[in-house]
Amino acid sequence: MTALFKAMAFQLKTERLDLSMWEESDSAWMRKLIGERGVDMPTLDAVRSKLIEMRKRAGENGISLLTIRRRDEGDFIGYCGLIIGRSTLEEPEIAYELFRSAHGKGYATEAASVVLDAAIATGRHRLWSTVGAWNVASLRVLEKIGFERHHSTWNERGEIVWNVRDL
């Protein structure tokens, strides 16, 4: 991990949610979430390998996506955290994805807010998020936590909106 920044906290709590580092046992849930995207389903072993690699990278660079579980129910509803993505380790991206059944209940905003606080605690000065222009709900979450539209790029799937927040 770079000495410029503290590692983000890998255990976060809100009133309704627990966010934590991935375990191998989360592979089945993650595979189902990927399936909701309408893309080819990876094998369970492929997902497990990706989660193991994510844990390793978290130890190296001090940021990661975290699982989101509802505190009362204990069920996995998605993930939220910091990634390099299309940005850099110094100015990472905040990313989140929830099961459709968890949409519209404020969970994404709640999780993103606590991850934002964790990012601030690392000493970083700026975060990014890239979102497909079609994903109005995700753009609204970013707006609620203080992100502003910066610019757009395009790829084979359409417009990608780059959002930024100074910390």
N, C-alpha and C. Protein backbone atom coordinates (compact mmCIF):
# COMPACT_ATOMS: atom_id res chain seq x y z
N MET A 1 0.85 -1.19 0.00
CA MET A 1 0.00 0.00 0.00
C MET A 1 0.88 1.24 0.00
N THR A 2 0.39 2.25 -0.64
CA THR A 2 1.13 3.50 -0.69
C THR A 2 1.16 4.15 0.69
N ALA A 3 2.29 4.74 1.04
CA ALA A 3 2.43 5.38 2.34
C ALA A 3 1.74 6.74 2.40
N LEU A 4 1.25 7.21 1.27
CA LEU A 4 0.60 8.52 1.24
C LEU A 4 -0.74 8.52 1.96
N PHE A 5 -1.39 7.36 2.00
CA PHE A 5 -2.75 7.29 2.55
C PHE A 5 -2.87 6.16 3.55
N LYS A 6 -3.74 6.34 4.52
CA LYS A 6 -4.08 5.27 5.44
C LYS A 6 -4.96 4.26 4.70
N ALA A 7 -4.95 3.02 5.15
CA ALA A 7 -5.87 2.02 4.60
C ALA A 7 -7.29 2.39 5.02
N MET A 8 -8.23 2.16 4.14
CA MET A 8 -9.63 2.40 4.51
C MET A 8 -10.06 1.34 5.52
N ALA A 9 -11.04 1.65 6.33
CA ALA A 9 -11.61 0.68 7.25
C ALA A 9 -12.36 -0.37 6.44
N PHE A 10 -12.12 -1.65 6.75
CA PHE A 10 -12.77 -2.73 6.02
C PHE A 10 -13.97 -3.30 6.77
N GLN A 11 -14.33 -2.69 7.89
CA GLN A 11 -15.55 -3.02 8.64
C GLN A 11 -16.26 -1.70 8.90
N LEU A 12 -17.43 -1.53 8.30
CA LEU A 12 -18.20 -0.30 8.46
C LEU A 12 -19.62 -0.64 8.87
N LYS A 13 -20.24 0.23 9.64
CA LYS A 13 -21.61 0.00 10.10
C LYS A 13 -22.44 1.26 9.93
N THR A 14 -23.70 1.05 9.61
CA THR A 14 -24.68 2.13 9.61
C THR A 14 -25.84 1.66 10.47
N GLU A 15 -26.87 2.46 10.55
CA GLU A 15 -28.03 2.06 11.34
C GLU A 15 -28.62 0.74 10.85
N ARG A 16 -28.64 0.55 9.53
CA ARG A 16 -29.29 -0.64 8.97
C ARG A 16 -28.35 -1.64 8.30
N LEU A 17 -27.09 -1.26 8.10
CA LEU A 17 -26.20 -2.07 7.27
C LEU A 17 -24.87 -2.38 7.95
N ASP A 18 -24.31 -3.54 7.59
CA ASP A 18 -22.94 -3.90 7.92
C ASP A 18 -22.18 -4.06 6.61
N LEU A 19 -21.06 -3.40 6.49
CA LEU A 19 -20.19 -3.55 5.32
C LEU A 19 -18.91 -4.20 5.80
N SER A 20 -18.45 -5.21 5.07
CA SER A 20 -17.24 -5.92 5.51
C SER A 20 -16.51 -6.53 4.32
N MET A 21 -15.29 -6.99 4.60
CA MET A 21 -14.45 -7.60 3.59
C MET A 21 -15.08 -8.91 3.12
N TRP A 22 -14.83 -9.23 1.87
CA TRP A 22 -15.35 -10.45 1.25
C TRP A 22 -14.77 -11.70 1.89
N GLU A 23 -15.60 -12.72 1.97
CA GLU A 23 -15.18 -14.06 2.36
C GLU A 23 -15.43 -14.97 1.16
N GLU A 24 -14.72 -16.09 1.09
CA GLU A 24 -14.95 -17.03 -0.01
C GLU A 24 -16.40 -17.47 -0.07
N SER A 25 -17.04 -17.55 1.09
CA SER A 25 -18.45 -17.99 1.14
C SER A 25 -19.40 -16.99 0.49
N ASP A 26 -18.93 -15.80 0.17
CA ASP A 26 -19.77 -14.81 -0.51
C ASP A 26 -19.84 -15.06 -2.02
N SER A 27 -19.11 -16.04 -2.51
CA SER A 27 -19.04 -16.30 -3.94
C SER A 27 -20.41 -16.56 -4.57
N ALA A 28 -21.23 -17.36 -3.91
CA ALA A 28 -22.55 -17.71 -4.47
C ALA A 28 -23.43 -16.47 -4.59
N TRP A 29 -23.41 -15.61 -3.57
CA TRP A 29 -24.20 -14.37 -3.62
C TRP A 29 -23.72 -13.45 -4.72
N MET A 30 -22.40 -13.33 -4.82
CA MET A 30 -21.84 -12.45 -5.84
C MET A 30 -22.19 -12.97 -7.24
N ARG A 31 -22.14 -14.27 -7.43
CA ARG A 31 -22.49 -14.86 -8.73
C ARG A 31 -23.94 -14.52 -9.09
N LYS A 32 -24.84 -14.60 -8.13
CA LYS A 32 -26.25 -14.25 -8.39
C LYS A 32 -26.39 -12.77 -8.74
N LEU A 33 -25.65 -11.91 -8.07
CA LEU A 33 -25.70 -10.48 -8.37
C LEU A 33 -25.20 -10.22 -9.78
N ILE A 34 -24.11 -10.86 -10.16
CA ILE A 34 -23.60 -10.73 -11.53
C ILE A 34 -24.67 -11.18 -12.53
N GLY A 35 -25.39 -12.24 -12.19
CA GLY A 35 -26.44 -12.76 -13.06
C GLY A 35 -27.55 -11.76 -13.32
N GLU A 36 -27.80 -10.87 -12.37
CA GLU A 36 -28.83 -9.85 -12.57
C GLU A 36 -28.44 -8.83 -13.63
N ARG A 37 -27.17 -8.77 -13.98
CA ARG A 37 -26.72 -7.82 -15.00
C ARG A 37 -27.11 -8.26 -16.40
N GLY A 38 -27.49 -9.53 -16.56
CA GLY A 38 -27.84 -10.03 -17.88
C GLY A 38 -26.62 -10.36 -18.73
N VAL A 39 -25.51 -10.63 -18.08
CA VAL A 39 -24.28 -11.01 -18.79
C VAL A 39 -24.04 -12.50 -18.58
N ASP A 40 -23.05 -13.04 -19.29
CA ASP A 40 -22.71 -14.44 -19.09
C ASP A 40 -22.33 -14.68 -17.64
N MET A 41 -22.88 -15.76 -17.08
CA MET A 41 -22.61 -16.09 -15.68
C MET A 41 -21.24 -16.74 -15.54
N PRO A 42 -20.39 -16.19 -14.68
CA PRO A 42 -19.11 -16.86 -14.42
C PRO A 42 -19.35 -18.11 -13.57
N THR A 43 -18.38 -18.99 -13.56
CA THR A 43 -18.49 -20.16 -12.69
C THR A 43 -18.30 -19.72 -11.25
N LEU A 44 -18.75 -20.55 -10.34
CA LEU A 44 -18.57 -20.26 -8.92
C LEU A 44 -17.08 -20.19 -8.58
N ASP A 45 -16.29 -21.08 -9.18
CA ASP A 45 -14.84 -21.05 -8.94
C ASP A 45 -14.21 -19.76 -9.44
N ALA A 46 -14.68 -19.25 -10.59
CA ALA A 46 -14.15 -17.99 -11.12
C ALA A 46 -14.46 -16.83 -10.19
N VAL A 47 -15.68 -16.81 -9.65
CA VAL A 47 -16.06 -15.74 -8.71
C VAL A 47 -15.23 -15.87 -7.43
N ARG A 48 -15.09 -17.08 -6.93
CA ARG A 48 -14.29 -17.30 -5.72
C ARG A 48 -12.86 -16.80 -5.93
N SER A 49 -12.27 -17.12 -7.07
CA SER A 49 -10.90 -16.67 -7.38
C SER A 49 -10.82 -15.15 -7.41
N LYS A 50 -11.83 -14.51 -7.99
CA LYS A 50 -11.85 -13.04 -8.06
C LYS A 50 -11.93 -12.43 -6.65
N LEU A 51 -12.73 -13.04 -5.77
CA LEU A 51 -12.85 -12.53 -4.40
C LEU A 51 -11.54 -12.71 -3.63
N ILE A 52 -10.86 -13.83 -3.84
CA ILE A 52 -9.57 -14.05 -3.19
C ILE A 52 -8.57 -13.01 -3.67
N GLU A 53 -8.56 -12.74 -4.97
CA GLU A 53 -7.66 -11.72 -5.54
C GLU A 53 -8.00 -10.33 -4.99
N MET A 54 -9.30 -10.04 -4.83
CA MET A 54 -9.72 -8.73 -4.30
C MET A 54 -9.21 -8.55 -2.87
N ARG A 55 -9.29 -9.59 -2.07
CA ARG A 55 -8.78 -9.52 -0.69
C ARG A 55 -7.27 -9.25 -0.69
N LYS A 56 -6.57 -9.93 -1.58
CA LYS A 56 -5.11 -9.74 -1.69
C LYS A 56 -4.78 -8.30 -2.07
N ARG A 57 -5.47 -7.77 -3.07
CA ARG A 57 -5.22 -6.39 -3.51
C ARG A 57 -5.56 -5.39 -2.41
N ALA A 58 -6.60 -5.69 -1.63
CA ALA A 58 -6.97 -4.78 -0.52
C ALA A 58 -5.81 -4.65 0.46
N GLY A 59 -5.14 -5.75 0.74
CA GLY A 59 -3.99 -5.70 1.62
C GLY A 59 -2.83 -4.91 1.04
N GLU A 60 -2.73 -4.92 -0.28
CA GLU A 60 -1.64 -4.23 -0.96
C GLU A 60 -1.90 -2.73 -1.12
N ASN A 61 -3.14 -2.37 -1.48
CA ASN A 61 -3.39 -0.95 -1.80
C ASN A 61 -4.31 -0.24 -0.81
N GLY A 62 -4.87 -0.95 0.16
CA GLY A 62 -5.62 -0.30 1.22
C GLY A 62 -7.03 0.14 0.88
N ILE A 63 -7.55 -0.28 -0.28
CA ILE A 63 -8.94 0.01 -0.64
C ILE A 63 -9.59 -1.26 -1.16
N SER A 64 -10.91 -1.33 -1.08
CA SER A 64 -11.61 -2.51 -1.57
C SER A 64 -13.11 -2.25 -1.66
N LEU A 65 -13.76 -3.07 -2.46
CA LEU A 65 -15.21 -3.18 -2.37
C LEU A 65 -15.52 -3.98 -1.12
N LEU A 66 -16.63 -3.69 -0.48
CA LEU A 66 -17.07 -4.39 0.72
C LEU A 66 -18.46 -4.96 0.50
N THR A 67 -18.73 -6.09 1.13
CA THR A 67 -20.08 -6.64 1.07
C THR A 67 -21.02 -5.74 1.85
N ILE A 68 -22.28 -5.72 1.44
CA ILE A 68 -23.32 -5.01 2.19
C ILE A 68 -24.32 -6.06 2.66
N ARG A 69 -24.53 -6.09 3.98
CA ARG A 69 -25.55 -6.97 4.56
C ARG A 69 -26.48 -6.13 5.41
N ARG A 70 -27.77 -6.47 5.36
CA ARG A 70 -28.71 -5.80 6.26
C ARG A 70 -28.45 -6.33 7.66
N ARG A 71 -28.37 -5.44 8.63
CA ARG A 71 -28.01 -5.82 10.00
C ARG A 71 -29.03 -6.76 10.62
N ASP A 72 -30.31 -6.43 10.51
CA ASP A 72 -31.32 -7.26 11.16
C ASP A 72 -31.47 -8.62 10.49
N GLU A 73 -31.47 -8.64 9.16
CA GLU A 73 -31.70 -9.88 8.43
C GLU A 73 -30.42 -10.67 8.20
N GLY A 74 -29.28 -9.99 8.13
CA GLY A 74 -28.01 -10.66 7.89
C GLY A 74 -27.79 -11.10 6.45
N ASP A 75 -28.68 -10.68 5.55
CA ASP A 75 -28.58 -11.13 4.16
C ASP A 75 -27.71 -10.20 3.33
N PHE A 76 -27.03 -10.79 2.35
CA PHE A 76 -26.17 -10.07 1.42
C PHE A 76 -27.07 -9.35 0.42
N ILE A 77 -26.90 -8.03 0.28
CA ILE A 77 -27.74 -7.28 -0.69
C ILE A 77 -26.91 -6.60 -1.76
N GLY A 78 -25.57 -6.66 -1.65
CA GLY A 78 -24.75 -6.03 -2.68
C GLY A 78 -23.37 -5.70 -2.15
N TYR A 79 -22.74 -4.73 -2.82
CA TYR A 79 -21.41 -4.30 -2.41
C TYR A 79 -21.26 -2.80 -2.61
N CYS A 80 -20.30 -2.23 -1.90
CA CYS A 80 -19.96 -0.82 -2.04
C CYS A 80 -18.53 -0.65 -1.54
N GLY A 81 -17.78 0.22 -2.17
CA GLY A 81 -16.43 0.46 -1.69
C GLY A 81 -15.65 1.32 -2.64
N LEU A 82 -14.34 1.26 -2.49
CA LEU A 82 -13.43 2.03 -3.32
C LEU A 82 -12.63 1.10 -4.22
N ILE A 83 -12.47 1.51 -5.48
CA ILE A 83 -11.71 0.75 -6.47
C ILE A 83 -10.85 1.72 -7.27
N ILE A 84 -9.83 1.19 -7.93
CA ILE A 84 -9.07 2.01 -8.86
C ILE A 84 -9.91 2.24 -10.11
N GLY A 85 -10.53 1.21 -10.64
CA GLY A 85 -11.44 1.34 -11.77
C GLY A 85 -10.82 2.10 -12.93
N ARG A 86 -11.49 3.15 -13.38
CA ARG A 86 -10.99 4.00 -14.47
C ARG A 86 -10.14 5.15 -13.94
N SER A 87 -9.88 5.18 -12.63
CA SER A 87 -9.18 6.29 -12.01
C SER A 87 -7.81 5.84 -11.49
N THR A 88 -7.43 6.31 -10.31
CA THR A 88 -6.11 6.01 -9.75
C THR A 88 -6.24 5.66 -8.27
N LEU A 89 -5.18 5.08 -7.71
CA LEU A 89 -5.17 4.78 -6.29
C LEU A 89 -5.25 6.06 -5.46
N GLU A 90 -4.65 7.13 -5.96
CA GLU A 90 -4.66 8.41 -5.24
C GLU A 90 -6.05 9.05 -5.25
N GLU A 91 -6.78 8.87 -6.35
CA GLU A 91 -8.14 9.41 -6.49
C GLU A 91 -9.04 8.28 -6.99
N PRO A 92 -9.37 7.32 -6.10
CA PRO A 92 -10.11 6.14 -6.54
C PRO A 92 -11.57 6.45 -6.85
N GLU A 93 -12.23 5.42 -7.34
CA GLU A 93 -13.67 5.50 -7.61
C GLU A 93 -14.44 4.87 -6.47
N ILE A 94 -15.60 5.44 -6.16
CA ILE A 94 -16.56 4.78 -5.30
C ILE A 94 -17.47 3.98 -6.24
N ALA A 95 -17.75 2.75 -5.86
CA ALA A 95 -18.57 1.88 -6.69
C ALA A 95 -19.56 1.13 -5.81
N TYR A 96 -20.71 0.81 -6.36
CA TYR A 96 -21.72 0.06 -5.62
C TYR A 96 -22.64 -0.65 -6.61
N GLU A 97 -23.19 -1.76 -6.14
CA GLU A 97 -24.17 -2.52 -6.90
C GLU A 97 -25.00 -3.31 -5.91
N LEU A 98 -26.31 -3.25 -6.05
CA LEU A 98 -27.21 -3.96 -5.15
C LEU A 98 -28.16 -4.83 -5.96
N PHE A 99 -28.63 -5.90 -5.32
CA PHE A 99 -29.69 -6.70 -5.93
C PHE A 99 -30.89 -5.81 -6.23
N ARG A 100 -31.56 -6.08 -7.30
CA ARG A 100 -32.75 -5.28 -7.66
C ARG A 100 -33.77 -5.25 -6.53
N SER A 101 -33.89 -6.35 -5.80
CA SER A 101 -34.85 -6.41 -4.69
C SER A 101 -34.51 -5.42 -3.58
N ALA A 102 -33.27 -4.91 -3.56
CA ALA A 102 -32.85 -3.94 -2.54
C ALA A 102 -32.91 -2.51 -3.04
N HIS A 103 -33.28 -2.32 -4.29
CA HIS A 103 -33.35 -0.96 -4.86
C HIS A 103 -34.51 -0.18 -4.25
N GLY A 104 -34.37 1.14 -4.22
CA GLY A 104 -35.46 2.01 -3.81
C GLY A 104 -35.70 2.10 -2.32
N LYS A 105 -34.77 1.59 -1.51
CA LYS A 105 -34.95 1.59 -0.06
C LYS A 105 -33.90 2.44 0.66
N GLY A 106 -33.06 3.14 -0.12
CA GLY A 106 -32.04 4.00 0.47
C GLY A 106 -30.76 3.28 0.88
N TYR A 107 -30.67 1.98 0.61
CA TYR A 107 -29.47 1.24 1.02
C TYR A 107 -28.21 1.71 0.29
N ALA A 108 -28.31 1.98 -1.00
CA ALA A 108 -27.12 2.42 -1.76
C ALA A 108 -26.60 3.74 -1.21
N THR A 109 -27.49 4.68 -0.94
CA THR A 109 -27.08 5.97 -0.39
C THR A 109 -26.46 5.80 0.99
N GLU A 110 -27.06 4.96 1.81
CA GLU A 110 -26.56 4.72 3.16
C GLU A 110 -25.16 4.09 3.12
N ALA A 111 -24.98 3.09 2.26
CA ALA A 111 -23.68 2.44 2.13
C ALA A 111 -22.64 3.39 1.55
N ALA A 112 -23.02 4.11 0.50
CA ALA A 112 -22.08 5.04 -0.14
C ALA A 112 -21.66 6.15 0.83
N SER A 113 -22.56 6.58 1.69
CA SER A 113 -22.23 7.64 2.67
C SER A 113 -21.16 7.18 3.65
N VAL A 114 -21.28 5.95 4.15
CA VAL A 114 -20.30 5.46 5.12
C VAL A 114 -18.97 5.15 4.42
N VAL A 115 -19.01 4.72 3.17
CA VAL A 115 -17.77 4.52 2.41
C VAL A 115 -17.10 5.87 2.13
N LEU A 116 -17.89 6.88 1.85
CA LEU A 116 -17.35 8.23 1.67
C LEU A 116 -16.61 8.69 2.92
N ASP A 117 -17.21 8.47 4.09
CA ASP A 117 -16.55 8.81 5.35
C ASP A 117 -15.24 8.04 5.51
N ALA A 118 -15.25 6.76 5.14
CA ALA A 118 -14.04 5.93 5.22
C ALA A 118 -12.96 6.46 4.28
N ALA A 119 -13.37 6.93 3.10
CA ALA A 119 -12.41 7.50 2.14
C ALA A 119 -11.78 8.78 2.69
N ILE A 120 -12.59 9.61 3.31
CA ILE A 120 -12.07 10.84 3.92
C ILE A 120 -11.03 10.50 4.99
N ALA A 121 -11.31 9.45 5.78
CA ALA A 121 -10.40 9.05 6.86
C ALA A 121 -9.05 8.54 6.34
N THR A 122 -8.96 8.16 5.06
CA THR A 122 -7.68 7.70 4.49
C THR A 122 -6.76 8.87 4.17
N GLY A 123 -7.30 10.09 4.16
CA GLY A 123 -6.51 11.26 3.82
C GLY A 123 -6.57 11.65 2.35
N ARG A 124 -7.40 10.98 1.60
CA ARG A 124 -7.53 11.33 0.18
C ARG A 124 -8.24 12.67 0.04
N HIS A 125 -8.05 13.29 -1.14
CA HIS A 125 -8.61 14.61 -1.37
C HIS A 125 -9.70 14.63 -2.44
N ARG A 126 -9.84 13.53 -3.18
CA ARG A 126 -10.85 13.52 -4.25
C ARG A 126 -11.25 12.08 -4.56
N LEU A 127 -12.54 11.90 -4.85
CA LEU A 127 -13.08 10.62 -5.32
C LEU A 127 -13.77 10.83 -6.65
N TRP A 128 -13.80 9.77 -7.44
CA TRP A 128 -14.50 9.74 -8.72
C TRP A 128 -15.54 8.64 -8.70
N SER A 129 -16.44 8.68 -9.62
CA SER A 129 -17.34 7.57 -9.90
C SER A 129 -17.74 7.66 -11.36
N THR A 130 -17.66 6.55 -12.07
CA THR A 130 -18.08 6.51 -13.47
C THR A 130 -19.33 5.66 -13.56
N VAL A 131 -20.36 6.21 -14.20
CA VAL A 131 -21.67 5.58 -14.25
C VAL A 131 -22.24 5.73 -15.64
N GLY A 132 -22.85 4.67 -16.14
CA GLY A 132 -23.54 4.77 -17.43
C GLY A 132 -24.65 5.81 -17.33
N ALA A 133 -24.78 6.64 -18.37
CA ALA A 133 -25.78 7.73 -18.35
C ALA A 133 -27.19 7.20 -18.17
N TRP A 134 -27.44 5.97 -18.57
CA TRP A 134 -28.77 5.36 -18.45
C TRP A 134 -29.12 5.05 -16.98
N ASN A 135 -28.11 4.99 -16.09
CA ASN A 135 -28.31 4.55 -14.72
C ASN A 135 -28.66 5.75 -13.82
N VAL A 136 -29.86 6.24 -14.00
CA VAL A 136 -30.33 7.44 -13.30
C VAL A 136 -30.31 7.25 -11.78
N ALA A 137 -30.67 6.06 -11.31
CA ALA A 137 -30.70 5.82 -9.87
C ALA A 137 -29.31 5.97 -9.25
N SER A 138 -28.30 5.42 -9.90
CA SER A 138 -26.93 5.55 -9.38
C SER A 138 -26.45 6.99 -9.43
N LEU A 139 -26.80 7.69 -10.49
CA LEU A 139 -26.43 9.11 -10.57
C LEU A 139 -27.08 9.90 -9.45
N ARG A 140 -28.30 9.54 -9.09
CA ARG A 140 -29.01 10.22 -7.99
C ARG A 140 -28.32 9.95 -6.65
N VAL A 141 -27.87 8.71 -6.43
CA VAL A 141 -27.14 8.39 -5.20
C VAL A 141 -25.91 9.28 -5.09
N LEU A 142 -25.16 9.39 -6.17
CA LEU A 142 -23.95 10.22 -6.16
C LEU A 142 -24.28 11.68 -5.86
N GLU A 143 -25.36 12.17 -6.44
CA GLU A 143 -25.78 13.54 -6.18
C GLU A 143 -26.09 13.74 -4.70
N LYS A 144 -26.77 12.76 -4.10
CA LYS A 144 -27.13 12.86 -2.68
C LYS A 144 -25.92 12.93 -1.77
N ILE A 145 -24.81 12.32 -2.18
CA ILE A 145 -23.62 12.33 -1.32
C ILE A 145 -22.58 13.35 -1.78
N GLY A 146 -23.03 14.30 -2.60
CA GLY A 146 -22.20 15.46 -2.90
C GLY A 146 -21.33 15.40 -4.14
N PHE A 147 -21.52 14.40 -4.99
CA PHE A 147 -20.75 14.33 -6.24
C PHE A 147 -21.36 15.27 -7.27
N GLU A 148 -20.50 15.74 -8.18
CA GLU A 148 -20.95 16.59 -9.28
C GLU A 148 -20.47 16.00 -10.59
N ARG A 149 -21.27 16.19 -11.62
CA ARG A 149 -20.89 15.72 -12.95
C ARG A 149 -19.66 16.50 -13.41
N HIS A 150 -18.67 15.79 -13.94
CA HIS A 150 -17.42 16.41 -14.39
C HIS A 150 -17.31 16.40 -15.91
N HIS A 151 -17.43 15.24 -16.53
CA HIS A 151 -17.38 15.12 -17.99
C HIS A 151 -17.91 13.75 -18.40
N SER A 152 -18.01 13.52 -19.69
CA SER A 152 -18.47 12.23 -20.21
C SER A 152 -17.46 11.67 -21.20
N THR A 153 -17.42 10.35 -21.25
CA THR A 153 -16.70 9.63 -22.29
C THR A 153 -17.70 8.62 -22.87
N TRP A 154 -17.31 7.97 -23.94
CA TRP A 154 -18.21 7.00 -24.56
C TRP A 154 -17.46 5.70 -24.81
N ASN A 155 -18.19 4.59 -24.66
CA ASN A 155 -17.65 3.29 -25.03
C ASN A 155 -18.72 2.54 -25.81
N GLU A 156 -18.50 1.25 -26.03
CA GLU A 156 -19.44 0.46 -26.85
C GLU A 156 -20.84 0.39 -26.24
N ARG A 157 -20.98 0.65 -24.95
CA ARG A 157 -22.30 0.61 -24.31
C ARG A 157 -22.93 1.98 -24.16
N GLY A 158 -22.25 3.03 -24.60
CA GLY A 158 -22.84 4.35 -24.56
C GLY A 158 -22.06 5.34 -23.72
N GLU A 159 -22.77 6.36 -23.27
CA GLU A 159 -22.15 7.45 -22.51
C GLU A 159 -21.80 7.01 -21.09
N ILE A 160 -20.58 7.35 -20.68
CA ILE A 160 -20.11 7.13 -19.31
C ILE A 160 -19.95 8.51 -18.68
N VAL A 161 -20.68 8.74 -17.59
CA VAL A 161 -20.62 10.02 -16.88
C VAL A 161 -19.59 9.92 -15.76
N TRP A 162 -18.61 10.81 -15.81
CA TRP A 162 -17.59 10.91 -14.77
C TRP A 162 -18.07 11.93 -13.74
N ASN A 163 -18.17 11.47 -12.49
CA ASN A 163 -18.62 12.31 -11.38
C ASN A 163 -17.47 12.46 -10.40
N VAL A 164 -17.37 13.61 -9.75
CA VAL A 164 -16.25 13.88 -8.87
C VAL A 164 -16.74 14.51 -7.57
N ARG A 165 -15.99 14.24 -6.51
CA ARG A 165 -16.25 14.90 -5.23
C ARG A 165 -14.92 15.20 -4.57
N ASP A 166 -14.71 16.47 -4.26
CA ASP A 166 -13.54 16.86 -3.47
C ASP A 166 -13.86 16.58 -2.01
N LEU A 167 -12.87 16.07 -1.29
CA LEU A 167 -13.09 15.67 0.10
C LEU A 167 -12.51 16.70 1.07
